[in-house]
Amino acid sequence: MAEAYSIPLVTDSDQALLRLGRLLRESGYRFTTITPASHARVNARAANAEARTLRDVFGWNRPFSADVLPTEMLELLLDADATLDVDGAMRSRVRFSTAGELLFVHSAFPTVESDAVFFGPDTYRYLSLLRRMNPRAKRAVDVGCGSGAGGILIAPHCERVVLADVNPKALRYAAINAQLNGVENVECVESDVLRGVQGDYDLVISNPPYLVDDLARTYRDGGGRFGEGLSLEIARQSVGSRLILYTATAIVEGVDTFRAAVEPIATGRRMRYEELDPDVFGEELEREAYAETDRLAVVALELGP
């Protein structure tokens, strides 16, 4: 049986967000978060200027009046200090998204803050990959856990899971999400890659930031020439354990630059590599950082111990 960990929610605002999430689940709430560009297009429609439903408030992050929400939900949102004033109306500072039967709190749209906790199409592709890879472990580490989605998904198949992130806000949301989804065999650790994780582990999973970001947002900026720096460091530090990595690569004149960089690191380890989507974040190709790039593709890397 998995060893249980009780992740304390130390602030009243954490408790309020947890209770709010439980009420949303009881209401039958569901919302699939799309790309920021698509989100902006949908919200720009004249009929979508104001919120009328729970999905409008907590999914689309549209301005709303107090009478849109049930009284208890509004009180919890206020208790969590999770509202903004928008020309006399309110807007939620958090979003709630569903993935299957799981529900996650994460940062509001648009995710412009340096410590924003992102959830979107990459998250869904990452979770789909994990389901297909069937990861099982005595002790797994979700590096750069963000909302905790990956670690929470695999927790039923592991004895213990560490949700690790350098971003305190991410760890706060991950802790809330673990409790919201009834996952008890997890612990939250502030860690730069694996440096802050104590003890042994036999599995590392990660969906790290993989772009070059001018704003240096934690959830988005991967470092390196094309954003591959953090992904390569995860591969280096995961020696001795199985690694399942969801990341991206810049294809330059037909060359997969991430694969070329990771193959020397993978020497002596079993390696499996797969391109999952040949063309993502096409708007990035207009930026100077990707002036030489044919396309950005998302890939899956599996390394043996």
C-alpha atoms as a PDB file:
ATOM      1  CA  MET A   1       0.000   0.000   0.000  1.00  0.00           C
ATOM      2  CA  ALA A   2       1.263   3.499  -0.841  1.00  0.00           C
ATOM      3  CA  GLU A   3       2.554   5.535   2.078  1.00  0.00           C
ATOM      4  CA  ALA A   4       0.290   8.520   2.708  1.00  0.00           C
ATOM      5  CA  TYR A   5       1.493  12.084   3.111  1.00  0.00           C
ATOM      6  CA  SER A   6      -0.682  14.857   4.402  1.00  0.00           C
ATOM      7  CA  ILE A   7       0.192  18.047   2.541  1.00  0.00           C
ATOM      8  CA  PRO A   8      -0.766  20.884   4.883  1.00  0.00           C
ATOM      9  CA  LEU A   9      -2.562  23.827   3.337  1.00  0.00           C
ATOM     10  CA  VAL A  10      -1.162  26.436   5.649  1.00  0.00           C
ATOM     11  CA  THR A  11      -3.140  29.507   4.610  1.00  0.00           C
ATOM     12  CA  ASP A  12      -6.831  30.323   4.737  1.00  0.00           C
ATOM     13  CA  SER A  13      -6.702  31.213   1.039  1.00  0.00           C
ATOM     14  CA  ASP A  14      -5.431  27.714   0.214  1.00  0.00           C
ATOM     15  CA  GLN A  15      -8.300  26.188   2.142  1.00  0.00           C
ATOM     16  CA  ALA A  16     -10.737  28.487   0.375  1.00  0.00           C
ATOM     17  CA  LEU A  17      -9.475  27.456  -3.074  1.00  0.00           C
ATOM     18  CA  LEU A  18      -9.707  23.801  -2.104  1.00  0.00           C
ATOM     19  CA  ARG A  19     -13.299  24.217  -0.936  1.00  0.00           C
ATOM     20  CA  LEU A  20     -14.131  26.198  -4.071  1.00  0.00           C
ATOM     21  CA  GLY A  21     -12.730  23.415  -6.251  1.00  0.00           C
ATOM     22  CA  ARG A  22     -14.810  20.834  -4.406  1.00  0.00           C
ATOM     23  CA  LEU A  23     -17.952  22.885  -4.922  1.00  0.00           C
ATOM     24  CA  LEU A  24     -17.184  23.207  -8.634  1.00  0.00           C
ATOM     25  CA  ARG A  25     -16.739  19.444  -8.895  1.00  0.00           C
ATOM     26  CA  GLU A  26     -20.059  18.873  -7.094  1.00  0.00           C
ATOM     27  CA  SER A  27     -21.736  21.226  -9.569  1.00  0.00           C
ATOM     28  CA  GLY A  28     -20.577  19.116 -12.527  1.00  0.00           C
ATOM     29  CA  TYR A  29     -18.148  21.804 -13.726  1.00  0.00           C
ATOM     30  CA  ARG A  30     -15.938  20.886 -16.685  1.00  0.00           C
ATOM     31  CA  PHE A  31     -13.604  23.055 -18.750  1.00  0.00           C
ATOM     32  CA  THR A  32     -10.900  22.260 -21.311  1.00  0.00           C
ATOM     33  CA  THR A  33      -8.241  24.964 -21.466  1.00  0.00           C
ATOM     34  CA  ILE A  34      -7.096  25.867 -24.985  1.00  0.00           C
ATOM     35  CA  THR A  35      -4.098  27.827 -26.272  1.00  0.00           C
ATOM     36  CA  PRO A  36      -3.778  31.470 -25.164  1.00  0.00           C
ATOM     37  CA  ALA A  37      -4.208  32.646 -28.762  1.00  0.00           C
ATOM     38  CA  SER A  38      -7.444  30.685 -29.197  1.00  0.00           C
ATOM     39  CA  HIS A  39      -8.636  31.745 -25.747  1.00  0.00           C
ATOM     40  CA  ALA A  40      -8.165  35.397 -26.694  1.00  0.00           C
ATOM     41  CA  ARG A  41     -10.075  34.919 -29.945  1.00  0.00           C
ATOM     42  CA  VAL A  42     -13.070  33.337 -28.207  1.00  0.00           C
ATOM     43  CA  ASN A  43     -13.169  35.995 -25.487  1.00  0.00           C
ATOM     44  CA  ALA A  44     -12.981  38.765 -28.097  1.00  0.00           C
ATOM     45  CA  ARG A  45     -16.413  37.882 -29.452  1.00  0.00           C
ATOM     46  CA  ALA A  46     -18.975  40.542 -28.570  1.00  0.00           C
ATOM     47  CA  ALA A  47     -21.283  38.038 -26.874  1.00  0.00           C
ATOM     48  CA  ASN A  48     -18.476  36.988 -24.522  1.00  0.00           C
ATOM     49  CA  ALA A  49     -17.741  40.358 -22.952  1.00  0.00           C
ATOM     50  CA  GLU A  50     -19.271  39.327 -19.602  1.00  0.00           C
ATOM     51  CA  ALA A  51     -19.572  36.064 -17.724  1.00  0.00           C
ATOM     52  CA  ARG A  52     -22.927  34.320 -17.377  1.00  0.00           C
ATOM     53  CA  THR A  53     -21.917  30.830 -16.203  1.00  0.00           C
ATOM     54  CA  LEU A  54     -19.387  29.096 -13.955  1.00  0.00           C
ATOM     55  CA  ARG A  55     -17.367  28.161 -17.037  1.00  0.00           C
ATOM     56  CA  ASP A  56     -17.275  31.827 -18.049  1.00  0.00           C
ATOM     57  CA  VAL A  57     -15.941  32.823 -14.620  1.00  0.00           C
ATOM     58  CA  PHE A  58     -13.514  30.010 -13.843  1.00  0.00           C
ATOM     59  CA  GLY A  59     -12.612  28.764 -17.310  1.00  0.00           C
ATOM     60  CA  TRP A  60     -12.761  31.729 -19.658  1.00  0.00           C
ATOM     61  CA  ASN A  61     -11.858  34.253 -16.920  1.00  0.00           C
ATOM     62  CA  ARG A  62     -14.436  36.779 -18.121  1.00  0.00           C
ATOM     63  CA  PRO A  63     -15.504  39.748 -15.962  1.00  0.00           C
ATOM     64  CA  PHE A  64     -18.536  38.956 -13.837  1.00  0.00           C
ATOM     65  CA  SER A  65     -20.984  40.576 -11.455  1.00  0.00           C
ATOM     66  CA  ALA A  66     -21.568  39.233  -7.951  1.00  0.00           C
ATOM     67  CA  ASP A  67     -24.963  37.737  -8.806  1.00  0.00           C
ATOM     68  CA  VAL A  68     -23.426  35.328 -11.361  1.00  0.00           C
ATOM     69  CA  LEU A  69     -21.904  33.103  -8.658  1.00  0.00           C
ATOM     70  CA  PRO A  70     -23.632  31.174  -5.881  1.00  0.00           C
ATOM     71  CA  THR A  71     -23.069  33.005  -2.599  1.00  0.00           C
ATOM     72  CA  GLU A  72     -20.736  30.414  -1.095  1.00  0.00           C
ATOM     73  CA  MET A  73     -18.519  30.318  -4.205  1.00  0.00           C
ATOM     74  CA  LEU A  74     -18.255  34.096  -4.249  1.00  0.00           C
ATOM     75  CA  GLU A  75     -17.340  34.178  -0.559  1.00  0.00           C
ATOM     76  CA  LEU A  76     -14.665  31.524  -1.057  1.00  0.00           C
ATOM     77  CA  LEU A  77     -13.205  33.377  -4.031  1.00  0.00           C
ATOM     78  CA  LEU A  78     -13.025  36.537  -1.926  1.00  0.00           C
ATOM     79  CA  ASP A  79     -11.578  34.622   1.050  1.00  0.00           C
ATOM     80  CA  ALA A  80      -8.855  33.335  -1.283  1.00  0.00           C
ATOM     81  CA  ASP A  81      -8.060  36.930  -2.324  1.00  0.00           C
ATOM     82  CA  ALA A  82      -8.527  35.675  -5.869  1.00  0.00           C
ATOM     83  CA  THR A  83     -10.419  38.505  -7.564  1.00  0.00           C
ATOM     84  CA  LEU A  84      -9.417  41.516  -9.621  1.00  0.00           C
ATOM     85  CA  ASP A  85     -11.443  44.670 -10.222  1.00  0.00           C
ATOM     86  CA  VAL A  86     -12.170  45.249 -13.927  1.00  0.00           C
ATOM     87  CA  ASP A  87     -14.062  48.499 -14.543  1.00  0.00           C
ATOM     88  CA  GLY A  88     -16.435  47.863 -11.664  1.00  0.00           C
ATOM     89  CA  ALA A  89     -16.810  44.141 -12.333  1.00  0.00           C
ATOM     90  CA  MET A  90     -14.797  41.265 -10.884  1.00  0.00           C
ATOM     91  CA  ARG A  91     -12.515  38.772 -12.590  1.00  0.00           C
ATOM     92  CA  SER A  92     -11.134  35.577 -11.088  1.00  0.00           C
ATOM     93  CA  ARG A  93      -7.377  35.436 -10.535  1.00  0.00           C
ATOM     94  CA  VAL A  94      -7.446  31.644 -10.929  1.00  0.00           C
ATOM     95  CA  ARG A  95      -8.788  29.170 -13.436  1.00  0.00           C
ATOM     96  CA  PHE A  96     -10.061  25.619 -12.979  1.00  0.00           C
ATOM     97  CA  SER A  97      -9.541  23.058 -15.733  1.00  0.00           C
ATOM     98  CA  THR A  98     -10.558  19.431 -16.070  1.00  0.00           C
ATOM     99  CA  ALA A  99      -8.614  16.532 -17.557  1.00  0.00           C
ATOM    100  CA  GLY A 100     -10.770  13.427 -17.538  1.00  0.00           C
ATOM    101  CA  GLU A 101     -12.090  13.165 -13.998  1.00  0.00           C
ATOM    102  CA  LEU A 102      -9.276  15.302 -12.563  1.00  0.00           C
ATOM    103  CA  LEU A 103      -9.752  18.978 -11.667  1.00  0.00           C
ATOM    104  CA  PHE A 104      -6.912  21.500 -11.368  1.00  0.00           C
ATOM    105  CA  VAL A 105      -6.588  25.081 -10.180  1.00  0.00           C
ATOM    106  CA  HIS A 106      -4.000  27.179 -12.012  1.00  0.00           C
ATOM    107  CA  SER A 107      -3.247  30.763 -13.021  1.00  0.00           C
ATOM    108  CA  ALA A 108      -5.758  33.030 -14.704  1.00  0.00           C
ATOM    109  CA  PHE A 109      -5.705  34.117 -18.333  1.00  0.00           C
ATOM    110  CA  PRO A 110      -3.543  35.738 -19.565  1.00  0.00           C
ATOM    111  CA  THR A 111      -0.533  34.095 -17.920  1.00  0.00           C
ATOM    112  CA  VAL A 112       1.790  37.106 -17.980  1.00  0.00           C
ATOM    113  CA  GLU A 113       3.182  36.940 -14.428  1.00  0.00           C
ATOM    114  CA  SER A 114       6.727  35.637 -14.036  1.00  0.00           C
ATOM    115  CA  ASP A 115       5.512  32.969 -11.585  1.00  0.00           C
ATOM    116  CA  ALA A 116       2.333  32.011 -13.437  1.00  0.00           C
ATOM    117  CA  VAL A 117       1.268  28.361 -13.227  1.00  0.00           C
ATOM    118  CA  PHE A 118       0.294  27.245 -16.722  1.00  0.00           C
ATOM    119  CA  PHE A 119      -2.209  24.607 -17.824  1.00  0.00           C
ATOM    120  CA  GLY A 120      -3.227  24.033 -21.433  1.00  0.00           C
ATOM    121  CA  PRO A 121      -2.886  21.858 -24.548  1.00  0.00           C
ATOM    122  CA  ASP A 122       0.669  20.852 -23.608  1.00  0.00           C
ATOM    123  CA  THR A 123      -0.676  19.548 -20.311  1.00  0.00           C
ATOM    124  CA  TYR A 124      -3.244  17.385 -22.083  1.00  0.00           C
ATOM    125  CA  ARG A 125      -0.632  15.980 -24.474  1.00  0.00           C
ATOM    126  CA  TYR A 126       1.699  15.316 -21.535  1.00  0.00           C
ATOM    127  CA  LEU A 127      -0.998  13.460 -19.606  1.00  0.00           C
ATOM    128  CA  SER A 128      -1.861  11.437 -22.711  1.00  0.00           C
ATOM    129  CA  LEU A 129       1.802  10.466 -23.053  1.00  0.00           C
ATOM    130  CA  LEU A 130       2.001   9.387 -19.422  1.00  0.00           C
ATOM    131  CA  ARG A 131      -1.104   7.238 -19.752  1.00  0.00           C
ATOM    132  CA  ARG A 132       0.409   5.535 -22.792  1.00  0.00           C
ATOM    133  CA  MET A 133       3.799   4.984 -21.110  1.00  0.00           C
ATOM    134  CA  ASN A 134       2.153   3.355 -18.072  1.00  0.00           C
ATOM    135  CA  PRO A 135       4.719   4.665 -15.528  1.00  0.00           C
ATOM    136  CA  ARG A 136       5.038   2.760 -12.251  1.00  0.00           C
ATOM    137  CA  ALA A 137       7.570   3.431  -9.532  1.00  0.00           C
ATOM    138  CA  LYS A 138       8.462   3.074  -5.898  1.00  0.00           C
ATOM    139  CA  ARG A 139       9.266   6.799  -5.738  1.00  0.00           C
ATOM    140  CA  ALA A 140       8.685   9.103  -8.687  1.00  0.00           C
ATOM    141  CA  VAL A 141       9.601  12.767  -9.102  1.00  0.00           C
ATOM    142  CA  ASP A 142       7.597  15.195 -11.237  1.00  0.00           C
ATOM    143  CA  VAL A 143      10.218  17.839 -12.107  1.00  0.00           C
ATOM    144  CA  GLY A 144       8.788  21.298 -12.773  1.00  0.00           C
ATOM    145  CA  CYS A 145       5.430  19.964 -11.648  1.00  0.00           C
ATOM    146  CA  GLY A 146       3.491  23.206 -12.171  1.00  0.00           C
ATOM    147  CA  SER A 147      -0.123  22.392 -11.302  1.00  0.00           C
ATOM    148  CA  GLY A 148       0.986  18.887 -10.313  1.00  0.00           C
ATOM    149  CA  ALA A 149      -1.001  17.304 -13.140  1.00  0.00           C
ATOM    150  CA  GLY A 150       1.584  14.710 -14.161  1.00  0.00           C
ATOM    151  CA  GLY A 151       2.480  13.552 -10.675  1.00  0.00           C
ATOM    152  CA  ILE A 152      -1.156  13.459  -9.590  1.00  0.00           C
ATOM    153  CA  LEU A 153      -2.092  11.370 -12.644  1.00  0.00           C
ATOM    154  CA  ILE A 154       0.552   8.698 -11.985  1.00  0.00           C
ATOM    155  CA  ALA A 155       0.247   8.687  -8.174  1.00  0.00           C
ATOM    156  CA  PRO A 156      -2.151   5.706  -8.082  1.00  0.00           C
ATOM    157  CA  HIS A 157       0.558   3.638  -9.814  1.00  0.00           C
ATOM    158  CA  CYS A 158       3.421   4.689  -7.537  1.00  0.00           C
ATOM    159  CA  GLU A 159       4.211   4.134  -3.879  1.00  0.00           C
ATOM    160  CA  ARG A 160       5.317   7.752  -3.471  1.00  0.00           C
ATOM    161  CA  VAL A 161       5.442  10.828  -5.701  1.00  0.00           C
ATOM    162  CA  VAL A 162       7.446  14.017  -5.235  1.00  0.00           C
ATOM    163  CA  LEU A 163       5.960  17.156  -6.792  1.00  0.00           C
ATOM    164  CA  ALA A 164       9.032  19.327  -7.346  1.00  0.00           C
ATOM    165  CA  ASP A 165       9.216  22.883  -8.641  1.00  0.00           C
ATOM    166  CA  VAL A 166      11.360  25.978  -8.235  1.00  0.00           C
ATOM    167  CA  ASN A 167       8.208  28.139  -8.190  1.00  0.00           C
ATOM    168  CA  PRO A 168       6.510  28.437  -4.749  1.00  0.00           C
ATOM    169  CA  LYS A 169       3.181  29.327  -6.352  1.00  0.00           C
ATOM    170  CA  ALA A 170       3.309  26.128  -8.407  1.00  0.00           C
ATOM    171  CA  LEU A 171       3.911  24.087  -5.253  1.00  0.00           C
ATOM    172  CA  ARG A 172       0.992  25.836  -3.561  1.00  0.00           C
ATOM    173  CA  TYR A 173      -1.377  24.974  -6.421  1.00  0.00           C
ATOM    174  CA  ALA A 174       0.044  21.442  -6.703  1.00  0.00           C
ATOM    175  CA  ALA A 175      -0.673  20.847  -3.005  1.00  0.00           C
ATOM    176  CA  ILE A 176      -4.242  22.106  -3.410  1.00  0.00           C
ATOM    177  CA  ASN A 177      -4.722  19.961  -6.507  1.00  0.00           C
ATOM    178  CA  ALA A 178      -3.427  16.838  -4.786  1.00  0.00           C
ATOM    179  CA  GLN A 179      -6.019  17.228  -2.050  1.00  0.00           C
ATOM    180  CA  LEU A 180      -8.716  18.264  -4.506  1.00  0.00           C
ATOM    181  CA  ASN A 181      -8.190  14.994  -6.391  1.00  0.00           C
ATOM    182  CA  GLY A 182      -7.888  12.800  -3.318  1.00  0.00           C
ATOM    183  CA  VAL A 183      -4.204  11.968  -3.828  1.00  0.00           C
ATOM    184  CA  GLU A 184      -2.391  11.340  -0.554  1.00  0.00           C
ATOM    185  CA  ASN A 185       0.887   9.590  -1.457  1.00  0.00           C
ATOM    186  CA  VAL A 186       2.624  12.804  -2.563  1.00  0.00           C
ATOM    187  CA  GLU A 187       4.979  15.383  -1.091  1.00  0.00           C
ATOM    188  CA  CYS A 188       5.819  18.873  -2.382  1.00  0.00           C
ATOM    189  CA  VAL A 189       9.478  19.920  -2.566  1.00  0.00           C
ATOM    190  CA  GLU A 190      10.992  23.198  -3.726  1.00  0.00           C
ATOM    191  CA  SER A 191      13.776  22.095  -6.035  1.00  0.00           C
ATOM    192  CA  ASP A 192      15.872  23.322  -8.958  1.00  0.00           C
ATOM    193  CA  VAL A 193      15.511  20.245 -11.199  1.00  0.00           C
ATOM    194  CA  LEU A 194      16.483  17.364  -8.850  1.00  0.00           C
ATOM    195  CA  ARG A 195      18.952  19.183  -6.616  1.00  0.00           C
ATOM    196  CA  GLY A 196      16.487  19.691  -3.761  1.00  0.00           C
ATOM    197  CA  VAL A 197      15.047  16.161  -3.805  1.00  0.00           C
ATOM    198  CA  GLN A 198      16.436  14.023  -0.998  1.00  0.00           C
ATOM    199  CA  GLY A 199      16.518  10.216  -1.067  1.00  0.00           C
ATOM    200  CA  ASP A 200      16.234   7.668  -3.848  1.00  0.00           C
ATOM    201  CA  TYR A 201      13.815   7.687  -6.761  1.00  0.00           C
ATOM    202  CA  ASP A 202      13.416   5.316  -9.695  1.00  0.00           C
ATOM    203  CA  LEU A 203      11.306   7.437 -12.045  1.00  0.00           C
ATOM    204  CA  VAL A 204      11.506  11.052 -13.228  1.00  0.00           C
ATOM    205  CA  ILE A 205       8.737  12.612 -15.296  1.00  0.00           C
ATOM    206  CA  SER A 206       8.710  16.156 -16.612  1.00  0.00           C
ATOM    207  CA  ASN A 207       6.977  18.628 -18.901  1.00  0.00           C
ATOM    208  CA  PRO A 208       9.444  21.503 -18.474  1.00  0.00           C
ATOM    209  CA  PRO A 209       9.413  24.965 -20.064  1.00  0.00           C
ATOM    210  CA  TYR A 210      10.994  24.647 -23.495  1.00  0.00           C
ATOM    211  CA  LEU A 211      10.821  28.027 -25.229  1.00  0.00           C
ATOM    212  CA  VAL A 212      12.941  31.158 -25.326  1.00  0.00           C
ATOM    213  CA  ASP A 213      10.869  33.726 -23.442  1.00  0.00           C
ATOM    214  CA  ASP A 214      11.752  37.430 -23.477  1.00  0.00           C
ATOM    215  CA  LEU A 215       9.875  37.899 -20.178  1.00  0.00           C
ATOM    216  CA  ALA A 216      11.782  35.021 -18.532  1.00  0.00           C
ATOM    217  CA  ARG A 217       8.562  33.534 -17.160  1.00  0.00           C
ATOM    218  CA  THR A 218       9.348  30.482 -15.056  1.00  0.00           C
ATOM    219  CA  TYR A 219       6.748  28.257 -16.693  1.00  0.00           C
ATOM    220  CA  ARG A 220       7.858  29.152 -20.232  1.00  0.00           C
ATOM    221  CA  ASP A 221      11.585  29.930 -20.450  1.00  0.00           C
ATOM    222  CA  GLY A 222      13.715  26.809 -20.881  1.00  0.00           C
ATOM    223  CA  GLY A 223      17.064  28.503 -21.403  1.00  0.00           C
ATOM    224  CA  GLY A 224      19.630  27.569 -24.025  1.00  0.00           C
ATOM    225  CA  ARG A 225      19.695  28.647 -27.649  1.00  0.00           C
ATOM    226  CA  PHE A 226      16.188  27.424 -28.514  1.00  0.00           C
ATOM    227  CA  GLY A 227      14.741  26.782 -25.044  1.00  0.00           C
ATOM    228  CA  GLU A 228      16.203  23.290 -24.722  1.00  0.00           C
ATOM    229  CA  GLY A 229      18.550  24.012 -21.800  1.00  0.00           C
ATOM    230  CA  LEU A 230      16.358  22.820 -18.945  1.00  0.00           C
ATOM    231  CA  SER A 231      15.300  19.653 -20.768  1.00  0.00           C
ATOM    232  CA  LEU A 232      18.939  18.718 -21.313  1.00  0.00           C
ATOM    233  CA  GLU A 233      19.725  19.359 -17.637  1.00  0.00           C
ATOM    234  CA  ILE A 234      16.869  17.089 -16.565  1.00  0.00           C
ATOM    235  CA  ALA A 235      18.304  14.347 -18.777  1.00  0.00           C
ATOM    236  CA  ARG A 236      21.737  14.838 -17.176  1.00  0.00           C
ATOM    237  CA  GLN A 237      20.441  14.748 -13.611  1.00  0.00           C
ATOM    238  CA  SER A 238      18.147  11.757 -14.079  1.00  0.00           C
ATOM    239  CA  VAL A 239      20.951   9.208 -14.458  1.00  0.00           C
ATOM    240  CA  GLY A 240      20.121   6.089 -12.446  1.00  0.00           C
ATOM    241  CA  SER A 241      16.363   6.322 -12.957  1.00  0.00           C
ATOM    242  CA  ARG A 242      13.867   6.001 -15.765  1.00  0.00           C
ATOM    243  CA  LEU A 243      13.064   9.337 -17.407  1.00  0.00           C
ATOM    244  CA  ILE A 244       9.888  10.238 -19.288  1.00  0.00           C
ATOM    245  CA  LEU A 245      10.279  13.738 -20.733  1.00  0.00           C
ATOM    246  CA  TYR A 246       7.758  15.745 -22.747  1.00  0.00           C
ATOM    247  CA  THR A 247       9.501  18.676 -24.421  1.00  0.00           C
ATOM    248  CA  ALA A 248      10.026  20.475 -27.719  1.00  0.00           C
ATOM    249  CA  THR A 249      12.716  20.763 -30.320  1.00  0.00           C
ATOM    250  CA  ALA A 250      13.657  23.373 -32.891  1.00  0.00           C
ATOM    251  CA  ILE A 251      14.036  21.844 -36.342  1.00  0.00           C
ATOM    252  CA  VAL A 252      16.719  23.809 -38.192  1.00  0.00           C
ATOM    253  CA  GLU A 253      17.304  22.942 -41.863  1.00  0.00           C
ATOM    254  CA  GLY A 254      15.795  19.536 -41.221  1.00  0.00           C
ATOM    255  CA  VAL A 255      17.943  18.809 -38.159  1.00  0.00           C
ATOM    256  CA  ASP A 256      16.292  17.955 -34.824  1.00  0.00           C
ATOM    257  CA  THR A 257      18.458  20.121 -32.561  1.00  0.00           C
ATOM    258  CA  PHE A 258      17.268  18.667 -29.246  1.00  0.00           C
ATOM    259  CA  ARG A 259      17.843  15.095 -30.326  1.00  0.00           C
ATOM    260  CA  ALA A 260      21.324  15.984 -31.533  1.00  0.00           C
ATOM    261  CA  ALA A 261      22.101  17.563 -28.161  1.00  0.00           C
ATOM    262  CA  VAL A 262      20.586  14.834 -25.961  1.00  0.00           C
ATOM    263  CA  GLU A 263      22.057  11.765 -27.700  1.00  0.00           C
ATOM    264  CA  PRO A 264      25.565  12.268 -26.196  1.00  0.00           C
ATOM    265  CA  ILE A 265      23.967  12.673 -22.736  1.00  0.00           C
ATOM    266  CA  ALA A 266      22.048   9.427 -23.283  1.00  0.00           C
ATOM    267  CA  THR A 267      25.145   7.367 -24.104  1.00  0.00           C
ATOM    268  CA  GLY A 268      24.951   4.036 -22.287  1.00  0.00           C
ATOM    269  CA  ARG A 269      21.231   4.384 -21.508  1.00  0.00           C
ATOM    270  CA  ARG A 270      18.279   2.849 -23.332  1.00  0.00           C
ATOM    271  CA  MET A 271      16.726   5.657 -25.386  1.00  0.00           C
ATOM    272  CA  ARG A 272      13.331   5.969 -27.027  1.00  0.00           C
ATOM    273  CA  TYR A 273      12.467   9.138 -28.931  1.00  0.00           C
ATOM    274  CA  GLU A 274       9.210  10.096 -30.647  1.00  0.00           C
ATOM    275  CA  GLU A 275       7.886  13.217 -32.360  1.00  0.00           C
ATOM    276  CA  LEU A 276       4.370  13.816 -31.036  1.00  0.00           C
ATOM    277  CA  ASP A 277       3.326  16.927 -32.944  1.00  0.00           C
ATOM    278  CA  PRO A 278       5.298  18.367 -35.871  1.00  0.00           C
ATOM    279  CA  ASP A 279       4.143  21.973 -35.555  1.00  0.00           C
ATOM    280  CA  VAL A 280       3.385  23.823 -32.321  1.00  0.00           C
ATOM    281  CA  PHE A 281       3.588  27.501 -31.311  1.00  0.00           C
ATOM    282  CA  GLY A 282       3.961  28.574 -34.939  1.00  0.00           C
ATOM    283  CA  GLU A 283       3.735  32.222 -33.889  1.00  0.00           C
ATOM    284  CA  GLU A 284       7.139  31.834 -32.220  1.00  0.00           C
ATOM    285  CA  LEU A 285       8.745  31.507 -35.667  1.00  0.00           C
ATOM    286  CA  GLU A 286       8.200  35.238 -36.146  1.00  0.00           C
ATOM    287  CA  ARG A 287      10.566  36.001 -33.249  1.00  0.00           C
ATOM    288  CA  GLU A 288      14.292  36.626 -33.636  1.00  0.00           C
ATOM    289  CA  ALA A 289      15.167  33.666 -31.402  1.00  0.00           C
ATOM    290  CA  TYR A 290      13.685  31.314 -33.985  1.00  0.00           C
ATOM    291  CA  ALA A 291      14.693  33.163 -37.168  1.00  0.00           C
ATOM    292  CA  GLU A 292      16.629  30.111 -38.418  1.00  0.00           C
ATOM    293  CA  THR A 293      14.027  27.559 -37.373  1.00  0.00           C
ATOM    294  CA  ASP A 294      11.872  25.567 -39.817  1.00  0.00           C
ATOM    295  CA  ARG A 295       9.383  24.497 -37.164  1.00  0.00           C
ATOM    296  CA  LEU A 296       8.926  23.686 -33.487  1.00  0.00           C
ATOM    297  CA  ALA A 297       7.871  20.143 -32.688  1.00  0.00           C
ATOM    298  CA  VAL A 298       6.921  18.492 -29.406  1.00  0.00           C
ATOM    299  CA  VAL A 299       8.685  15.230 -28.658  1.00  0.00           C
ATOM    300  CA  ALA A 300       8.769  12.456 -26.088  1.00  0.00           C
ATOM    301  CA  LEU A 301      12.076  11.188 -24.716  1.00  0.00           C
ATOM    302  CA  GLU A 302      12.360   8.049 -22.624  1.00  0.00           C
ATOM    303  CA  LEU A 303      15.684   7.112 -21.092  1.00  0.00           C
ATOM    304  CA  GLY A 304      16.395   3.974 -19.125  1.00  0.00           C
ATOM    305  CA  PRO A 305      18.379   3.991 -15.873  1.00  0.00           C
END
